[in-house]
N, C-alpha and C. Protein backbone atom coordinates (compact mmCIF):
# COMPACT_ATOMS: atom_id res chain seq x y z
N MET A 1 0.74 -0.97 -0.34
CA MET A 1 -0.14 0.28 -0.16
C MET A 1 1.14 1.27 0.35
N THR A 2 0.69 1.68 -0.80
CA THR A 2 1.33 3.19 -1.37
C THR A 2 0.83 4.42 -0.68
N THR A 3 1.45 4.87 0.34
CA THR A 3 0.71 6.90 1.41
C THR A 3 1.33 7.70 0.92
N ILE A 4 0.43 8.74 0.37
CA ILE A 4 0.88 9.71 -0.78
C ILE A 4 1.30 10.41 0.85
N GLN A 5 2.30 11.51 0.70
CA GLN A 5 2.44 12.03 2.29
C GLN A 5 3.07 13.53 1.31
N PRO A 6 2.34 14.33 1.98
CA PRO A 6 2.28 15.71 1.47
C PRO A 6 4.11 16.79 1.97
N ARG A 7 4.89 17.39 1.21
CA ARG A 7 5.98 18.09 1.74
C ARG A 7 5.56 19.49 2.12
N GLY A 8 6.37 20.10 3.16
CA GLY A 8 6.20 21.33 3.67
C GLY A 8 4.74 21.37 4.89
N GLU A 9 5.37 22.26 5.78
CA GLU A 9 4.10 22.76 6.71
C GLU A 9 3.71 23.24 6.01
N LYS A 10 3.32 23.50 5.13
CA LYS A 10 1.89 24.14 5.59
C LYS A 10 1.13 23.31 5.11
N LEU A 11 1.72 22.42 3.36
CA LEU A 11 1.06 21.30 3.39
C LEU A 11 0.68 20.85 4.45
N LYS A 12 1.52 20.03 5.80
CA LYS A 12 0.82 19.18 6.27
C LYS A 12 -0.27 19.59 7.03
N LYS A 13 -0.70 21.23 7.73
CA LYS A 13 -1.41 22.07 8.08
C LYS A 13 -2.61 21.54 7.92
N ALA A 14 -2.45 22.15 6.24
CA ALA A 14 -4.20 22.14 5.18
C ALA A 14 -4.36 20.45 5.10
N VAL A 15 -3.71 19.70 4.61
CA VAL A 15 -4.47 17.92 5.09
C VAL A 15 -4.66 18.14 6.13
N LYS A 16 -4.20 18.02 7.48
CA LYS A 16 -4.65 18.20 8.87
C LYS A 16 -6.43 18.75 9.00
N TRP A 17 -6.33 20.31 8.46
CA TRP A 17 -7.58 20.83 8.46
C TRP A 17 -8.62 20.06 7.32
N ILE A 18 -8.01 20.05 6.61
CA ILE A 18 -9.24 19.48 6.10
C ILE A 18 -10.00 18.29 6.56
N SER A 19 -9.02 17.15 6.59
CA SER A 19 -9.64 16.29 7.82
C SER A 19 -10.88 16.85 8.77
N GLU A 20 -10.43 17.02 9.55
CA GLU A 20 -10.93 17.56 10.73
C GLU A 20 -12.59 18.37 9.85
N LYS A 21 -12.78 19.12 8.73
CA LYS A 21 -13.71 20.05 8.54
C LYS A 21 -14.43 19.13 7.83
N ARG A 22 -13.78 17.87 6.79
CA ARG A 22 -14.37 17.01 6.37
C ARG A 22 -15.12 16.11 7.33
N LYS A 23 -14.98 16.05 8.44
CA LYS A 23 -15.33 15.28 10.15
C LYS A 23 -16.63 16.24 10.12
N GLU A 24 -16.12 17.73 10.79
CA GLU A 24 -17.50 18.36 10.73
C GLU A 24 -18.57 18.56 9.95
N ASN A 25 -18.28 18.38 8.58
CA ASN A 25 -18.81 18.95 7.83
C ASN A 25 -19.35 17.34 6.75
N PRO A 26 -19.28 16.82 6.79
CA PRO A 26 -19.77 15.87 5.66
C PRO A 26 -20.49 15.85 4.90
N ASP A 27 -21.30 16.14 4.31
CA ASP A 27 -21.96 17.00 3.55
C ASP A 27 -21.83 17.73 2.08
N VAL A 28 -20.75 18.66 2.82
CA VAL A 28 -20.37 20.09 1.85
C VAL A 28 -18.83 18.92 0.77
N ASN A 29 -19.39 20.06 -0.29
CA ASN A 29 -17.91 19.13 -1.61
C ASN A 29 -16.47 19.63 -0.81
N PRO A 30 -15.82 18.32 -0.80
CA PRO A 30 -14.54 18.82 -0.01
C PRO A 30 -13.37 19.26 -0.89
N SER A 31 -13.74 19.65 -2.54
CA SER A 31 -13.17 21.17 -3.23
C SER A 31 -13.25 21.97 -2.63
N LYS A 32 -14.99 22.28 -1.80
CA LYS A 32 -14.53 23.54 -1.43
C LYS A 32 -13.43 23.41 -0.47
N PHE A 33 -12.89 22.60 0.72
CA PHE A 33 -12.42 22.76 1.81
C PHE A 33 -11.00 23.34 1.17
N VAL A 34 -10.69 22.69 0.39
CA VAL A 34 -9.14 22.68 -0.54
C VAL A 34 -9.63 24.43 -1.22
N ASP A 35 -10.54 24.88 -1.85
CA ASP A 35 -10.18 26.37 -1.73
C ASP A 35 -9.70 26.77 -0.98
N ASP A 36 -10.92 26.67 0.24
CA ASP A 36 -10.63 27.61 1.77
C ASP A 36 -8.69 27.35 1.93
N ALA A 37 -8.38 25.86 2.45
CA ALA A 37 -7.38 25.77 2.86
C ALA A 37 -6.39 26.33 1.74
N GLY A 38 -7.12 26.81 0.71
CA GLY A 38 -5.68 27.04 -0.33
C GLY A 38 -5.33 29.09 0.06
N PHE A 39 -6.04 29.78 0.35
CA PHE A 39 -6.40 30.80 0.85
C PHE A 39 -6.32 31.20 2.84
N GLN A 40 -6.53 30.40 3.34
CA GLN A 40 -5.93 30.29 4.68
C GLN A 40 -4.65 29.96 4.79
N PHE A 41 -4.15 28.70 4.15
CA PHE A 41 -2.97 28.38 4.75
C PHE A 41 -1.50 29.07 3.21
N ASP A 42 -2.25 29.60 2.69
CA ASP A 42 -1.48 29.83 1.30
C ASP A 42 -1.05 29.51 -0.01
N LEU A 43 -1.37 28.66 -0.11
CA LEU A 43 -1.11 27.48 -0.75
C LEU A 43 -1.18 28.19 -2.36
N SER A 44 -0.01 27.16 -3.33
CA SER A 44 0.19 27.19 -4.58
C SER A 44 -0.89 26.54 -5.41
N PRO A 45 -0.86 26.75 -6.64
CA PRO A 45 -1.39 26.35 -7.21
C PRO A 45 -0.85 24.65 -7.35
N LYS A 46 0.17 24.35 -7.76
CA LYS A 46 0.10 22.84 -6.89
C LYS A 46 0.08 22.44 -6.19
N ASP A 47 -0.07 23.31 -4.86
CA ASP A 47 -0.28 22.34 -3.50
C ASP A 47 -2.28 22.26 -3.70
N SER A 48 -2.76 22.93 -4.21
CA SER A 48 -3.97 22.74 -4.17
C SER A 48 -4.31 21.75 -5.43
N GLU A 49 -3.64 21.67 -6.24
CA GLU A 49 -3.98 20.26 -6.82
C GLU A 49 -3.38 19.08 -6.49
N PHE A 50 -2.51 19.09 -5.54
CA PHE A 50 -2.16 18.11 -4.29
C PHE A 50 -2.96 17.23 -3.98
N LEU A 51 -4.04 18.62 -2.67
CA LEU A 51 -4.49 18.31 -2.10
C LEU A 51 -5.82 18.05 -2.66
N LEU A 52 -6.49 18.48 -4.38
CA LEU A 52 -7.33 17.75 -4.95
C LEU A 52 -7.59 16.60 -4.97
N ARG A 53 -6.13 16.10 -5.82
CA ARG A 53 -5.70 14.34 -5.83
C ARG A 53 -6.14 14.06 -5.10
N LEU A 54 -5.23 14.01 -3.10
CA LEU A 54 -5.25 13.56 -2.61
C LEU A 54 -6.95 13.41 -1.52
N ILE A 55 -7.21 14.35 -2.29
CA ILE A 55 -9.19 13.99 -1.43
C ILE A 55 -9.87 12.96 -2.53
N ARG A 56 -9.39 12.71 -3.88
CA ARG A 56 -10.46 11.49 -4.53
C ARG A 56 -9.84 10.30 -4.35
N ASN A 57 -8.22 10.79 -3.93
CA ASN A 57 -8.08 8.76 -3.56
C ASN A 57 -8.73 8.66 -2.39
N ASP A 58 -8.55 9.42 -2.13
CA ASP A 58 -9.22 9.04 -0.40
C ASP A 58 -10.88 8.63 -0.53
N ASP A 59 -11.61 9.16 -0.98
CA ASP A 59 -12.97 9.44 -1.65
C ASP A 59 -13.43 8.37 -2.28
N HIS A 60 -11.74 7.12 -3.29
CA HIS A 60 -12.01 6.75 -4.10
C HIS A 60 -11.18 5.15 -4.04
N PRO A 61 -11.08 4.90 -2.51
CA PRO A 61 -9.81 3.37 -3.01
C PRO A 61 -9.64 2.86 -3.29
N ASN A 62 -8.04 2.87 -3.64
CA ASN A 62 -8.60 0.90 -4.82
C ASN A 62 -8.85 0.21 -4.02
N SER A 63 -9.79 -0.72 -4.90
CA SER A 63 -10.23 -1.96 -3.96
C SER A 63 -8.47 -2.61 -3.88
N ALA A 64 -8.59 -3.63 -3.29
CA ALA A 64 -7.17 -5.42 -3.62
C ALA A 64 -8.01 -6.55 -3.39
């Protein structure tokens, strides 16, 4: 099993923040949290794309 690890402290904080927000608000589209995290943590577009991919992988885990 491969685990994706974010690089950079801001990105790590954003991943944790998004995870917490998703637990608190499971009915909200996760991409909204990615947008919000981009502003809150001053992420680059590349970092935001990483977060979107991470969420997609989390929402659609590979079946083994």
